[in-house]
Amino acid sequence: MMTAPNSAERKACWDARDHLWKCLDDNDDNVASCQRFQSEFEAKCPAQWVKYFTKRRDFLKYKEKMQTEGFAPAEGPQGAS
C-alpha cells in the first residue's frame, strides 16, 4: 500500500502538473511536445493523482469551451453566409 505523499512530495507533484499543463496549453494539447513534462508528472505523482488530474484538466477544458462557445446547437444560426 502506498503512503500519502508528504508536503514536499505534494509540491513536487503539483509543480510537475503545472509545468505539464502549461506546456499542453502552449502546444495545443500536443502530448508529444510535452513528453518530458508528462514523464516528470507521472514520476512525481501517485498514479491515482495522475488519473485524477488528467480527468480534471479534461473537465476544465470542456467547461471553458462551453463558457467560450456556449451551448449553441450545431445547426443553429451561423451568421449571414
N, C-alpha and C. Protein backbone atom coordinates (compact mmCIF):
# COMPACT_ATOMS: atom_id res chain seq x y z
N MET A 1 0.83 -1.20 0.00
CA MET A 1 0.00 0.00 0.00
C MET A 1 0.88 1.26 0.00
N MET A 2 0.47 2.25 -0.75
CA MET A 2 1.27 3.46 -0.85
C MET A 2 0.93 4.44 0.26
N THR A 3 1.94 5.04 0.85
CA THR A 3 1.67 6.05 1.88
C THR A 3 1.34 7.38 1.20
N ALA A 4 0.64 8.22 1.88
CA ALA A 4 0.28 9.52 1.33
C ALA A 4 1.56 10.35 1.19
N PRO A 5 1.65 11.12 0.11
CA PRO A 5 2.83 11.94 -0.10
C PRO A 5 2.95 13.02 0.97
N ASN A 6 4.18 13.31 1.39
CA ASN A 6 4.38 14.41 2.34
C ASN A 6 4.29 15.74 1.59
N SER A 7 4.41 16.85 2.32
CA SER A 7 4.16 18.14 1.68
C SER A 7 5.18 18.45 0.58
N ALA A 8 6.43 18.05 0.76
CA ALA A 8 7.44 18.29 -0.29
C ALA A 8 7.09 17.49 -1.54
N GLU A 9 6.66 16.26 -1.35
CA GLU A 9 6.27 15.40 -2.49
C GLU A 9 5.03 15.94 -3.19
N ARG A 10 4.08 16.42 -2.39
CA ARG A 10 2.87 17.01 -2.99
C ARG A 10 3.23 18.23 -3.82
N LYS A 11 4.11 19.07 -3.27
CA LYS A 11 4.52 20.27 -4.01
C LYS A 11 5.22 19.88 -5.31
N ALA A 12 6.09 18.88 -5.24
CA ALA A 12 6.80 18.42 -6.45
C ALA A 12 5.80 17.92 -7.50
N CYS A 13 4.78 17.21 -7.03
CA CYS A 13 3.74 16.70 -7.93
C CYS A 13 2.98 17.86 -8.56
N TRP A 14 2.53 18.80 -7.73
CA TRP A 14 1.75 19.92 -8.25
C TRP A 14 2.57 20.78 -9.21
N ASP A 15 3.86 20.98 -8.91
CA ASP A 15 4.72 21.75 -9.81
C ASP A 15 4.85 21.03 -11.15
N ALA A 16 5.04 19.71 -11.09
CA ALA A 16 5.16 18.92 -12.32
C ALA A 16 3.86 19.02 -13.13
N ARG A 17 2.73 18.94 -12.44
CA ARG A 17 1.43 19.07 -13.10
C ARG A 17 1.30 20.44 -13.77
N ASP A 18 1.66 21.49 -13.04
CA ASP A 18 1.54 22.84 -13.59
C ASP A 18 2.42 23.03 -14.82
N HIS A 19 3.64 22.49 -14.77
CA HIS A 19 4.54 22.59 -15.93
C HIS A 19 3.95 21.85 -17.13
N LEU A 20 3.41 20.66 -16.87
CA LEU A 20 2.80 19.88 -17.95
C LEU A 20 1.61 20.63 -18.53
N TRP A 21 0.72 21.13 -17.68
CA TRP A 21 -0.48 21.81 -18.16
C TRP A 21 -0.12 23.06 -18.95
N LYS A 22 0.91 23.78 -18.50
CA LYS A 22 1.32 24.97 -19.23
C LYS A 22 1.86 24.57 -20.61
N CYS A 23 2.66 23.52 -20.63
CA CYS A 23 3.19 23.02 -21.89
C CYS A 23 2.05 22.62 -22.83
N LEU A 24 1.07 21.89 -22.31
CA LEU A 24 -0.06 21.47 -23.13
C LEU A 24 -0.84 22.68 -23.64
N ASP A 25 -1.04 23.68 -22.78
CA ASP A 25 -1.73 24.90 -23.20
C ASP A 25 -0.96 25.58 -24.33
N ASP A 26 0.36 25.65 -24.18
CA ASP A 26 1.20 26.33 -25.17
C ASP A 26 1.32 25.55 -26.47
N ASN A 27 1.04 24.24 -26.43
CA ASN A 27 1.22 23.39 -27.61
C ASN A 27 -0.08 22.77 -28.10
N ASP A 28 -1.19 23.45 -27.85
CA ASP A 28 -2.49 22.95 -28.30
C ASP A 28 -2.76 21.51 -27.91
N ASP A 29 -2.41 21.17 -26.66
CA ASP A 29 -2.64 19.82 -26.13
C ASP A 29 -1.91 18.73 -26.90
N ASN A 30 -0.80 19.08 -27.55
CA ASN A 30 0.01 18.07 -28.23
C ASN A 30 0.90 17.38 -27.21
N VAL A 31 0.48 16.18 -26.79
CA VAL A 31 1.18 15.45 -25.74
C VAL A 31 2.62 15.14 -26.15
N ALA A 32 2.84 14.87 -27.44
CA ALA A 32 4.18 14.53 -27.92
C ALA A 32 5.18 15.66 -27.63
N SER A 33 4.73 16.91 -27.75
CA SER A 33 5.59 18.06 -27.49
C SER A 33 5.94 18.18 -26.01
N CYS A 34 5.15 17.54 -25.16
CA CYS A 34 5.29 17.72 -23.71
C CYS A 34 5.68 16.42 -23.01
N GLN A 35 6.24 15.49 -23.77
CA GLN A 35 6.56 14.16 -23.23
C GLN A 35 7.44 14.25 -21.98
N ARG A 36 8.42 15.16 -22.01
CA ARG A 36 9.33 15.30 -20.87
C ARG A 36 8.55 15.69 -19.61
N PHE A 37 7.60 16.63 -19.77
CA PHE A 37 6.80 17.07 -18.63
C PHE A 37 5.84 15.97 -18.19
N GLN A 38 5.30 15.23 -19.17
CA GLN A 38 4.39 14.12 -18.87
C GLN A 38 5.12 13.07 -18.04
N SER A 39 6.33 12.73 -18.45
CA SER A 39 7.11 11.72 -17.72
C SER A 39 7.42 12.18 -16.30
N GLU A 40 7.78 13.45 -16.17
CA GLU A 40 8.09 14.01 -14.86
C GLU A 40 6.85 13.99 -13.98
N PHE A 41 5.72 14.38 -14.54
CA PHE A 41 4.43 14.38 -13.84
C PHE A 41 4.12 12.97 -13.33
N GLU A 42 4.27 11.98 -14.21
CA GLU A 42 3.97 10.60 -13.82
C GLU A 42 4.96 10.07 -12.79
N ALA A 43 6.22 10.54 -12.87
CA ALA A 43 7.24 10.09 -11.92
C ALA A 43 7.02 10.71 -10.54
N LYS A 44 6.55 11.95 -10.50
CA LYS A 44 6.47 12.68 -9.23
C LYS A 44 5.12 12.58 -8.54
N CYS A 45 4.10 12.07 -9.22
CA CYS A 45 2.77 11.98 -8.64
C CYS A 45 2.32 10.54 -8.52
N PRO A 46 1.58 10.23 -7.44
CA PRO A 46 0.96 8.90 -7.34
C PRO A 46 0.05 8.65 -8.55
N ALA A 47 -0.05 7.41 -8.98
CA ALA A 47 -0.83 7.06 -10.17
C ALA A 47 -2.28 7.56 -10.10
N GLN A 48 -2.90 7.43 -8.90
CA GLN A 48 -4.30 7.89 -8.77
C GLN A 48 -4.39 9.40 -9.01
N TRP A 49 -3.37 10.13 -8.59
CA TRP A 49 -3.37 11.58 -8.79
C TRP A 49 -3.24 11.91 -10.26
N VAL A 50 -2.37 11.17 -10.95
CA VAL A 50 -2.18 11.39 -12.39
C VAL A 50 -3.52 11.23 -13.09
N LYS A 51 -4.23 10.15 -12.75
CA LYS A 51 -5.55 9.89 -13.34
C LYS A 51 -6.51 11.03 -13.01
N TYR A 52 -6.54 11.40 -11.73
CA TYR A 52 -7.47 12.44 -11.28
C TYR A 52 -7.18 13.76 -11.98
N PHE A 53 -5.91 14.19 -11.99
CA PHE A 53 -5.57 15.48 -12.59
C PHE A 53 -5.83 15.50 -14.09
N THR A 54 -5.60 14.36 -14.75
CA THR A 54 -5.86 14.28 -16.19
C THR A 54 -7.34 14.45 -16.47
N LYS A 55 -8.18 13.76 -15.70
CA LYS A 55 -9.63 13.91 -15.83
C LYS A 55 -10.06 15.33 -15.52
N ARG A 56 -9.45 15.89 -14.46
CA ARG A 56 -9.79 17.24 -14.03
C ARG A 56 -9.47 18.25 -15.13
N ARG A 57 -8.32 18.08 -15.78
CA ARG A 57 -7.93 19.02 -16.84
C ARG A 57 -8.91 18.91 -18.01
N ASP A 58 -9.26 17.68 -18.38
CA ASP A 58 -10.23 17.48 -19.46
C ASP A 58 -11.54 18.18 -19.12
N PHE A 59 -11.98 18.04 -17.87
CA PHE A 59 -13.22 18.66 -17.43
C PHE A 59 -13.11 20.19 -17.51
N LEU A 60 -12.01 20.74 -17.00
CA LEU A 60 -11.84 22.19 -17.01
C LEU A 60 -11.79 22.73 -18.44
N LYS A 61 -11.12 22.00 -19.35
CA LYS A 61 -11.05 22.42 -20.74
C LYS A 61 -12.45 22.42 -21.36
N TYR A 62 -13.21 21.36 -21.06
CA TYR A 62 -14.57 21.22 -21.58
C TYR A 62 -15.44 22.36 -21.08
N LYS A 63 -15.34 22.64 -19.75
CA LYS A 63 -16.14 23.69 -19.14
C LYS A 63 -15.78 25.05 -19.77
N GLU A 64 -14.50 25.28 -19.95
CA GLU A 64 -14.02 26.54 -20.54
C GLU A 64 -14.55 26.68 -21.97
N LYS A 65 -14.53 25.59 -22.70
CA LYS A 65 -15.04 25.59 -24.08
C LYS A 65 -16.53 25.92 -24.11
N MET A 66 -17.28 25.33 -23.17
CA MET A 66 -18.71 25.59 -23.11
C MET A 66 -18.98 27.06 -22.77
N GLN A 67 -18.17 27.62 -21.86
CA GLN A 67 -18.35 29.02 -21.49
C GLN A 67 -17.98 29.95 -22.63
N THR A 68 -16.95 29.56 -23.40
CA THR A 68 -16.49 30.39 -24.51
C THR A 68 -17.43 30.29 -25.69
N GLU A 69 -17.79 29.04 -26.05
CA GLU A 69 -18.57 28.82 -27.27
C GLU A 69 -20.06 28.70 -27.00
N GLY A 70 -20.41 28.49 -25.74
CA GLY A 70 -21.81 28.35 -25.40
C GLY A 70 -22.38 27.01 -25.83
N PHE A 71 -23.65 26.85 -25.61
CA PHE A 71 -24.32 25.58 -25.90
C PHE A 71 -25.11 25.66 -27.21
N ALA A 72 -24.73 26.56 -28.11
CA ALA A 72 -25.49 26.72 -29.35
C ALA A 72 -25.52 25.41 -30.13
N PRO A 73 -26.69 25.00 -30.59
CA PRO A 73 -26.77 23.76 -31.38
C PRO A 73 -26.00 23.92 -32.69
N ALA A 74 -25.44 22.84 -33.18
CA ALA A 74 -24.59 22.88 -34.38
C ALA A 74 -25.34 23.47 -35.57
N GLU A 75 -26.64 23.19 -35.66
CA GLU A 75 -27.40 23.70 -36.83
C GLU A 75 -28.01 25.07 -36.57
N GLY A 76 -27.63 25.67 -35.44
CA GLY A 76 -28.16 26.99 -35.10
C GLY A 76 -27.64 28.07 -36.02
N PRO A 77 -28.04 29.31 -35.79
CA PRO A 77 -27.61 30.41 -36.66
C PRO A 77 -26.10 30.54 -36.68
N GLN A 78 -25.54 30.62 -37.87
CA GLN A 78 -24.08 30.74 -38.01
C GLN A 78 -23.71 32.13 -38.54
N GLY A 79 -24.64 33.03 -38.57
CA GLY A 79 -24.38 34.35 -39.14
C GLY A 79 -24.71 34.32 -40.61
N ALA A 80 -24.79 35.46 -41.25
CA ALA A 80 -25.12 35.53 -42.68
C ALA A 80 -24.01 34.91 -43.50
N SER A 81 -24.40 34.08 -44.49
CA SER A 81 -23.36 33.46 -45.33
C SER A 81 -23.36 34.11 -46.69
